[in-house]
Amino acid sequence: MKVVIPLAGKGTRLLPLTKHIPKPLIRVAGRPVMDYVMDKLEPLDVEELIIITGHLKEPVEKHVRSHYKQPARFIEQQVQDGTAGAVRLAQPYVDGPVLIVFVDTLFDADLTLIDRVDADGIIWAMEVEDYQRFGVVVTDEDGFMTRIVEKPSEPISKLANIGLYYMRDWEALFEGIAWTLQQPKQKGEWFLTDAFQHMIDRSRKIRTAEVSGWYDCGKVETLLDTNLHLLNTGRAKHPAEGLGVTIEEPVRVEDGVHLENCTIGPNVTIEAGARVTSSALEHTIVGAGARVTGSTIRNSLLGEAVTVIGQTLDRMVVAQDETGPAR
């Protein structure tokens, strides 16, 4: 099986951090987001990773080649024309069942399900209460998808599409993509979900499988929520003792961090080489080598090697001397 990973997007909701760091390599609880997703592929027989790159493609390629054991192919999406356009680029290299994974969310799912389900494909989803924010999957009484509806105003379904798909009938998938690319764009893009609808309208069966957890990393608020989940489920790391340091668990403080006269936590990750003095941090991620002095910071992201002195920040993103509001 081949795995298609579209990650050409610019991550605009995490600007200015993603001006310098590709969205898949944004760190949460001490690791790049992409690493958590790749962990889920370990039990599978992956013939090749097909990575659809774009914004800041060089660091993505370097990370994939140096950290993952699977063979990888890289294809640049030069025109940002949507998820259908991204997956279409992989077609010349797909000659069998394919897994499609978007790596800006983490999920709790058993991907070995693909070996046990008799269907033309699988779409993973999670029941949510705020269904109006998502594309939702509508199913029949047997659990097969009948349609996907973007941001419904009525509760026709609460199963949110999480961006994880397996297509056993890859030929029907690419037929659906070809059909989609002949239709008018929606908000300047072609959506992969329209290709799935094309498959279903032509009698293909796509099973809906629910996940037990789904954690978004695409914007500041949800990235910090995901950080908290990870800290509460095994990623916490208590710091060595420091002068005048108060810790409110959970936190993750890497080795080599200097803390002095500060309050840290809850829900704070501080990367190696950072220095925090005379400050209070909560619900915040601090990048490697950052310096924070005499400041109060909440609900924010600080990039690598930034310096914050004498400031009060709430819902802010700071990266290499650029500061922007959390989106």
Protein backbone atom coordinates (compact mmCIF):
# COMPACT_ATOMS: atom_id res chain seq x y z
CA MET A 1 0.00 0.00 0.00
CA LYS A 2 1.12 3.53 -0.76
CA VAL A 3 0.42 6.50 1.50
CA VAL A 4 -0.34 9.95 0.09
CA ILE A 5 0.38 12.83 2.48
CA PRO A 6 -0.73 16.25 1.21
CA LEU A 7 1.06 19.01 3.11
CA ALA A 8 1.51 21.86 0.68
CA GLY A 9 -0.57 24.35 2.66
CA LYS A 10 0.91 27.49 4.20
CA GLY A 11 -0.69 27.15 7.64
CA THR A 12 -1.96 30.73 7.62
CA ARG A 13 -3.81 30.32 10.93
CA LEU A 14 -0.45 29.84 12.66
CA LEU A 15 1.26 32.88 11.17
CA PRO A 16 3.82 34.32 11.70
CA LEU A 17 5.26 31.02 13.02
CA THR A 18 4.55 29.18 9.77
CA LYS A 19 6.35 31.85 7.77
CA HIS A 20 9.54 30.09 8.87
CA ILE A 21 8.40 26.58 9.88
CA PRO A 22 6.28 24.22 7.74
CA LYS A 23 2.97 23.48 9.42
CA PRO A 24 3.69 19.70 9.71
CA LEU A 25 6.88 20.50 11.64
CA ILE A 26 5.25 22.77 14.22
CA ARG A 27 6.09 21.19 17.56
CA VAL A 28 3.55 20.12 20.16
CA ALA A 29 4.48 18.45 23.44
CA GLY A 30 8.10 18.24 22.30
CA ARG A 31 7.67 16.68 18.84
CA PRO A 32 6.68 17.79 15.35
CA VAL A 33 2.98 17.23 14.67
CA MET A 34 3.85 15.01 11.71
CA ASP A 35 5.80 12.57 13.88
CA TYR A 36 2.71 11.62 15.88
CA VAL A 37 0.82 10.87 12.68
CA MET A 38 3.66 8.80 11.27
CA ASP A 39 3.65 6.69 14.44
CA LYS A 40 0.22 5.44 13.37
CA LEU A 41 1.66 4.01 10.16
CA GLU A 42 4.10 1.71 11.96
CA PRO A 43 1.85 -1.41 11.90
CA LEU A 44 1.14 -1.06 8.17
CA ASP A 45 2.98 -2.49 5.17
CA VAL A 46 3.82 0.84 3.51
CA GLU A 47 5.45 0.50 0.12
CA GLU A 48 6.08 4.22 -0.35
CA LEU A 49 5.21 7.61 1.08
CA ILE A 50 4.08 10.09 -1.57
CA ILE A 51 4.51 13.54 -0.05
CA ILE A 52 2.78 16.46 -1.76
CA THR A 53 4.87 19.49 -0.84
CA GLY A 54 4.65 23.21 -1.40
CA HIS A 55 5.39 25.91 1.16
CA LEU A 56 8.85 25.45 2.73
CA LYS A 57 9.31 22.11 0.98
CA GLU A 58 13.05 21.73 1.69
CA PRO A 59 12.81 21.32 5.50
CA VAL A 60 9.89 18.91 5.07
CA GLU A 61 11.92 16.72 2.69
CA LYS A 62 14.92 16.80 5.02
CA HIS A 63 12.81 15.79 8.01
CA VAL A 64 11.06 12.94 6.20
CA ARG A 65 14.29 11.48 4.84
CA SER A 66 16.11 11.67 8.17
CA HIS A 67 13.33 10.51 10.52
CA TYR A 68 11.16 7.93 8.73
CA LYS A 69 12.14 4.51 7.50
CA GLN A 70 9.66 4.23 4.63
CA PRO A 71 10.79 5.08 1.06
CA ALA A 72 9.52 8.55 0.14
CA ARG A 73 8.73 10.39 -3.07
CA PHE A 74 8.20 14.17 -3.12
CA ILE A 75 5.95 16.03 -5.56
CA GLU A 76 5.55 19.81 -5.44
CA GLN A 77 2.05 21.24 -5.73
CA GLN A 78 2.95 24.43 -7.56
CA VAL A 79 -0.63 25.70 -7.72
CA GLN A 80 -2.66 25.60 -4.51
CA ASP A 81 -5.90 24.37 -6.07
CA GLY A 82 -7.24 22.23 -3.26
CA THR A 83 -7.11 18.73 -1.85
CA ALA A 84 -8.35 17.04 -5.04
CA GLY A 85 -5.62 18.75 -7.03
CA ALA A 86 -3.02 17.67 -4.47
CA VAL A 87 -3.96 13.98 -4.50
CA ARG A 88 -4.25 14.00 -8.30
CA LEU A 89 -0.49 14.63 -8.46
CA ALA A 90 0.11 11.19 -6.92
CA GLN A 91 -1.86 9.29 -9.58
CA PRO A 92 1.10 8.31 -11.81
CA TYR A 93 2.69 6.52 -8.85
CA VAL A 94 -0.37 4.76 -7.40
CA ASP A 95 -1.17 1.30 -8.73
CA GLY A 96 -3.02 -0.22 -5.80
CA PRO A 97 -4.88 0.60 -2.58
CA VAL A 98 -3.93 3.95 -1.09
CA LEU A 99 -4.11 5.61 2.31
CA ILE A 100 -4.53 9.40 2.32
CA VAL A 101 -3.48 11.20 5.50
CA PHE A 102 -3.61 14.90 6.29
CA VAL A 103 -1.07 15.63 8.98
CA ASP A 104 -2.39 18.75 10.72
CA THR A 105 -4.49 16.65 13.09
CA LEU A 106 -3.70 13.81 15.46
CA PHE A 107 -6.05 10.88 15.80
CA ASP A 108 -6.63 7.74 17.82
CA ALA A 109 -7.47 5.12 15.21
CA ASP A 110 -6.54 1.53 14.48
CA LEU A 111 -5.42 1.66 10.87
CA THR A 112 -5.14 -2.12 10.65
CA LEU A 113 -8.91 -1.90 10.08
CA ILE A 114 -8.07 -1.69 6.39
CA ASP A 115 -7.24 -5.41 6.44
CA ARG A 116 -10.59 -6.36 7.95
CA VAL A 117 -13.21 -4.25 6.18
CA ASP A 118 -14.87 -5.43 2.98
CA ALA A 119 -15.53 -2.13 1.21
CA ASP A 120 -14.21 0.01 -1.61
CA GLY A 121 -12.89 2.49 0.91
CA ILE A 122 -12.95 3.78 4.48
CA ILE A 123 -13.46 7.31 5.74
CA TRP A 124 -12.68 7.95 9.39
CA ALA A 125 -14.88 10.37 11.35
CA MET A 126 -15.60 11.48 14.89
CA GLU A 127 -18.86 12.50 16.50
CA VAL A 128 -18.76 16.15 17.60
CA GLU A 129 -21.30 18.52 19.09
CA ASP A 130 -20.21 21.61 17.12
CA TYR A 131 -20.94 19.92 13.81
CA GLN A 132 -21.58 23.27 12.09
CA ARG A 133 -17.81 23.87 11.97
CA PHE A 134 -16.97 20.79 9.91
CA GLY A 135 -17.71 18.71 6.90
CA VAL A 136 -19.90 15.91 8.23
CA VAL A 137 -20.37 12.39 6.94
CA VAL A 138 -23.91 11.12 6.44
CA THR A 139 -24.27 7.33 6.62
CA ASP A 140 -26.91 4.74 5.90
CA GLU A 141 -28.16 2.27 8.51
CA ASP A 142 -25.25 -0.08 7.73
CA GLY A 143 -22.57 2.56 8.36
CA PHE A 144 -21.71 3.29 4.73
CA MET A 145 -21.26 6.88 3.66
CA THR A 146 -24.04 8.38 1.56
CA ARG A 147 -22.74 11.96 1.36
CA ILE A 148 -20.55 14.65 2.90
CA VAL A 149 -22.06 18.02 3.75
CA GLU A 150 -19.87 21.04 4.51
CA LYS A 151 -20.77 22.96 7.68
CA PRO A 152 -24.44 21.97 7.86
CA SER A 153 -26.93 24.30 9.55
CA GLU A 154 -29.15 21.35 10.47
CA PRO A 155 -27.97 18.30 12.48
CA ILE A 156 -28.12 15.83 9.60
CA SER A 157 -24.98 14.23 11.07
CA LYS A 158 -22.50 14.89 13.86
CA LEU A 159 -19.75 12.72 12.31
CA ALA A 160 -16.96 15.15 11.42
CA ASN A 161 -14.63 14.25 8.57
CA ILE A 162 -11.11 14.16 10.10
CA GLY A 163 -9.00 13.94 6.92
CA LEU A 164 -8.04 10.25 7.01
CA TYR A 165 -9.05 7.95 4.14
CA TYR A 166 -8.31 4.50 2.73
CA MET A 167 -9.30 3.75 -0.84
CA ARG A 168 -9.09 0.12 -1.92
CA ASP A 169 -10.65 1.01 -5.29
CA TRP A 170 -7.98 3.51 -6.29
CA GLU A 171 -9.14 3.55 -9.91
CA ALA A 172 -12.59 4.78 -8.90
CA LEU A 173 -10.90 7.35 -6.65
CA PHE A 174 -8.92 8.88 -9.49
CA GLU A 175 -11.94 8.74 -11.78
CA GLY A 176 -13.75 10.76 -9.13
CA ILE A 177 -10.88 13.22 -8.90
CA ALA A 178 -10.81 13.64 -12.69
CA TRP A 179 -14.55 14.38 -12.62
CA THR A 180 -14.08 16.85 -9.75
CA LEU A 181 -11.38 18.76 -11.61
CA GLN A 182 -13.84 19.31 -14.47
CA GLN A 183 -16.31 21.05 -12.17
CA PRO A 184 -16.26 24.72 -11.12
CA LYS A 185 -13.99 25.43 -8.18
CA GLN A 186 -15.49 26.18 -4.78
CA LYS A 187 -13.79 29.16 -3.13
CA GLY A 188 -10.91 28.70 -5.54
CA GLU A 189 -10.37 25.02 -4.77
CA TRP A 190 -11.35 21.49 -5.76
CA PHE A 191 -12.19 19.26 -2.81
CA LEU A 192 -11.28 15.61 -2.47
CA THR A 193 -14.59 14.90 -0.77
CA ASP A 194 -16.37 15.61 -4.06
CA ALA A 195 -14.41 12.71 -5.58
CA PHE A 196 -15.70 10.44 -2.80
CA GLN A 197 -19.24 11.58 -3.55
CA HIS A 198 -18.66 10.72 -7.21
CA MET A 199 -17.60 7.21 -6.15
CA ILE A 200 -20.71 6.70 -4.03
CA ASP A 201 -23.01 8.03 -6.71
CA ARG A 202 -21.60 5.25 -8.90
CA SER A 203 -22.34 2.48 -6.41
CA ARG A 204 -19.00 2.28 -4.64
CA LYS A 205 -19.15 1.45 -0.93
CA ILE A 206 -17.19 3.60 1.53
CA ARG A 207 -17.36 2.46 5.13
CA THR A 208 -17.45 5.09 7.87
CA ALA A 209 -15.21 4.26 10.83
CA GLU A 210 -15.26 6.30 14.03
CA VAL A 211 -12.09 7.34 15.84
CA SER A 212 -11.84 7.52 19.62
CA GLY A 213 -9.88 10.78 19.57
CA TRP A 214 -9.17 13.64 17.19
CA TYR A 215 -6.92 16.56 18.00
CA ASP A 216 -6.53 19.54 15.69
CA CYS A 217 -3.18 21.30 15.33
CA GLY A 218 -4.18 23.81 12.68
CA LYS A 219 -4.66 26.92 14.82
CA VAL A 220 -3.32 28.25 18.12
CA GLU A 221 -6.28 27.39 20.34
CA THR A 222 -6.57 23.80 19.16
CA LEU A 223 -2.80 23.28 19.08
CA LEU A 224 -2.65 24.22 22.77
CA ASP A 225 -5.61 21.93 23.51
CA THR A 226 -3.71 19.12 21.79
CA ASN A 227 -0.60 19.97 23.79
CA LEU A 228 -2.64 19.59 26.99
CA HIS A 229 -4.04 16.23 25.86
CA LEU A 230 -0.57 14.92 25.08
CA LEU A 231 0.86 16.14 28.39
CA ASN A 232 -1.98 14.42 30.22
CA THR A 233 -1.39 11.15 28.37
CA GLY A 234 2.29 10.48 28.81
CA ARG A 235 4.24 13.39 27.30
CA ALA A 236 4.67 15.45 30.50
CA LYS A 237 8.21 16.02 31.75
CA HIS A 238 8.89 17.70 35.10
CA PRO A 239 11.88 20.05 35.16
CA ALA A 240 14.89 19.84 37.39
CA GLU A 241 14.70 22.04 40.47
CA GLY A 242 15.21 25.75 39.88
CA LEU A 243 15.53 28.79 42.13
CA GLY A 244 12.11 30.21 42.97
CA VAL A 245 10.29 28.00 40.46
CA THR A 246 6.64 26.98 40.88
CA ILE A 247 5.26 24.26 38.60
CA GLU A 248 1.55 23.80 37.90
CA GLU A 249 1.19 20.41 36.21
CA PRO A 250 1.02 19.28 33.52
CA VAL A 251 4.14 20.67 31.86
CA ARG A 252 6.91 19.46 29.62
CA VAL A 253 10.27 21.11 30.20
CA GLU A 254 13.12 19.71 28.14
CA ASP A 255 16.63 19.15 29.46
CA GLY A 256 18.82 22.22 29.17
CA VAL A 257 16.05 24.72 29.99
CA HIS A 258 16.94 27.39 32.57
CA LEU A 259 14.10 28.42 34.91
CA GLU A 260 14.46 31.06 37.64
CA ASN A 261 11.88 32.95 39.75
CA CYS A 262 8.97 31.89 37.58
CA THR A 263 5.64 30.09 37.57
CA ILE A 264 5.22 27.52 34.82
CA GLY A 265 1.94 25.81 33.91
CA PRO A 266 -0.51 24.41 33.55
CA ASN A 267 -0.22 23.24 29.96
CA VAL A 268 3.22 24.59 29.11
CA THR A 269 5.89 23.02 26.91
CA ILE A 270 9.36 24.56 26.88
CA GLU A 271 11.89 23.35 24.32
CA ALA A 272 15.61 22.77 24.94
CA GLY A 273 17.90 25.74 25.43
CA ALA A 274 15.12 28.17 26.42
CA ARG A 275 15.54 30.52 29.38
CA VAL A 276 12.62 31.81 31.48
CA THR A 277 13.23 34.24 34.37
CA SER A 278 10.93 36.39 36.53
CA SER A 279 7.92 35.36 34.44
CA ALA A 280 4.62 33.46 34.52
CA LEU A 281 3.58 31.12 31.68
CA GLU A 282 0.41 29.12 31.22
CA HIS A 283 -1.19 27.41 28.21
CA THR A 284 1.86 28.25 26.13
CA ILE A 285 4.50 26.56 23.97
CA VAL A 286 8.00 28.05 24.02
CA GLY A 287 10.42 27.20 21.22
CA ALA A 288 14.03 26.09 21.54
CA GLY A 289 16.48 28.79 22.56
CA ALA A 290 13.80 31.37 23.37
CA ARG A 291 14.35 33.98 26.10
CA VAL A 292 11.50 35.18 28.33
CA THR A 293 12.19 37.78 31.04
CA GLY A 294 9.81 39.73 33.28
CA SER A 295 6.76 38.69 31.27
CA THR A 296 3.33 37.13 31.67
CA ILE A 297 2.31 34.89 28.79
CA ARG A 298 -0.93 32.96 28.29
CA ASN A 299 -2.50 31.04 25.42
CA SER A 300 0.42 31.78 23.09
CA LEU A 301 3.11 30.29 20.89
CA LEU A 302 6.72 31.48 21.00
CA GLY A 303 8.98 30.36 18.17
CA GLU A 304 12.60 29.33 18.29
CA ALA A 305 15.16 31.83 19.55
CA VAL A 306 12.65 34.65 20.13
CA THR A 307 13.15 37.16 22.94
CA VAL A 308 10.28 38.51 25.05
CA ILE A 309 11.12 41.09 27.72
CA GLY A 310 8.69 42.90 30.01
CA GLN A 311 5.52 42.02 28.09
CA THR A 312 2.07 40.67 28.81
CA LEU A 313 0.93 38.42 25.96
CA ASP A 314 -2.41 36.65 25.60
CA ARG A 315 -3.38 34.74 22.45
CA MET A 316 -0.30 35.82 20.55
CA VAL A 317 2.14 34.16 18.16
CA VAL A 318 5.75 35.35 18.25
CA ALA A 319 8.35 34.25 15.69
CA GLN A 320 11.73 35.77 14.83
CA ASP A 321 10.87 39.34 15.88
CA GLU A 322 7.37 39.13 14.38
CA THR A 323 4.26 39.11 16.54
CA GLY A 324 0.70 38.41 15.50
CA PRO A 325 -2.63 37.65 17.15
CA ALA A 326 -3.64 34.05 17.57
CA ARG A 327 -6.07 33.01 14.83
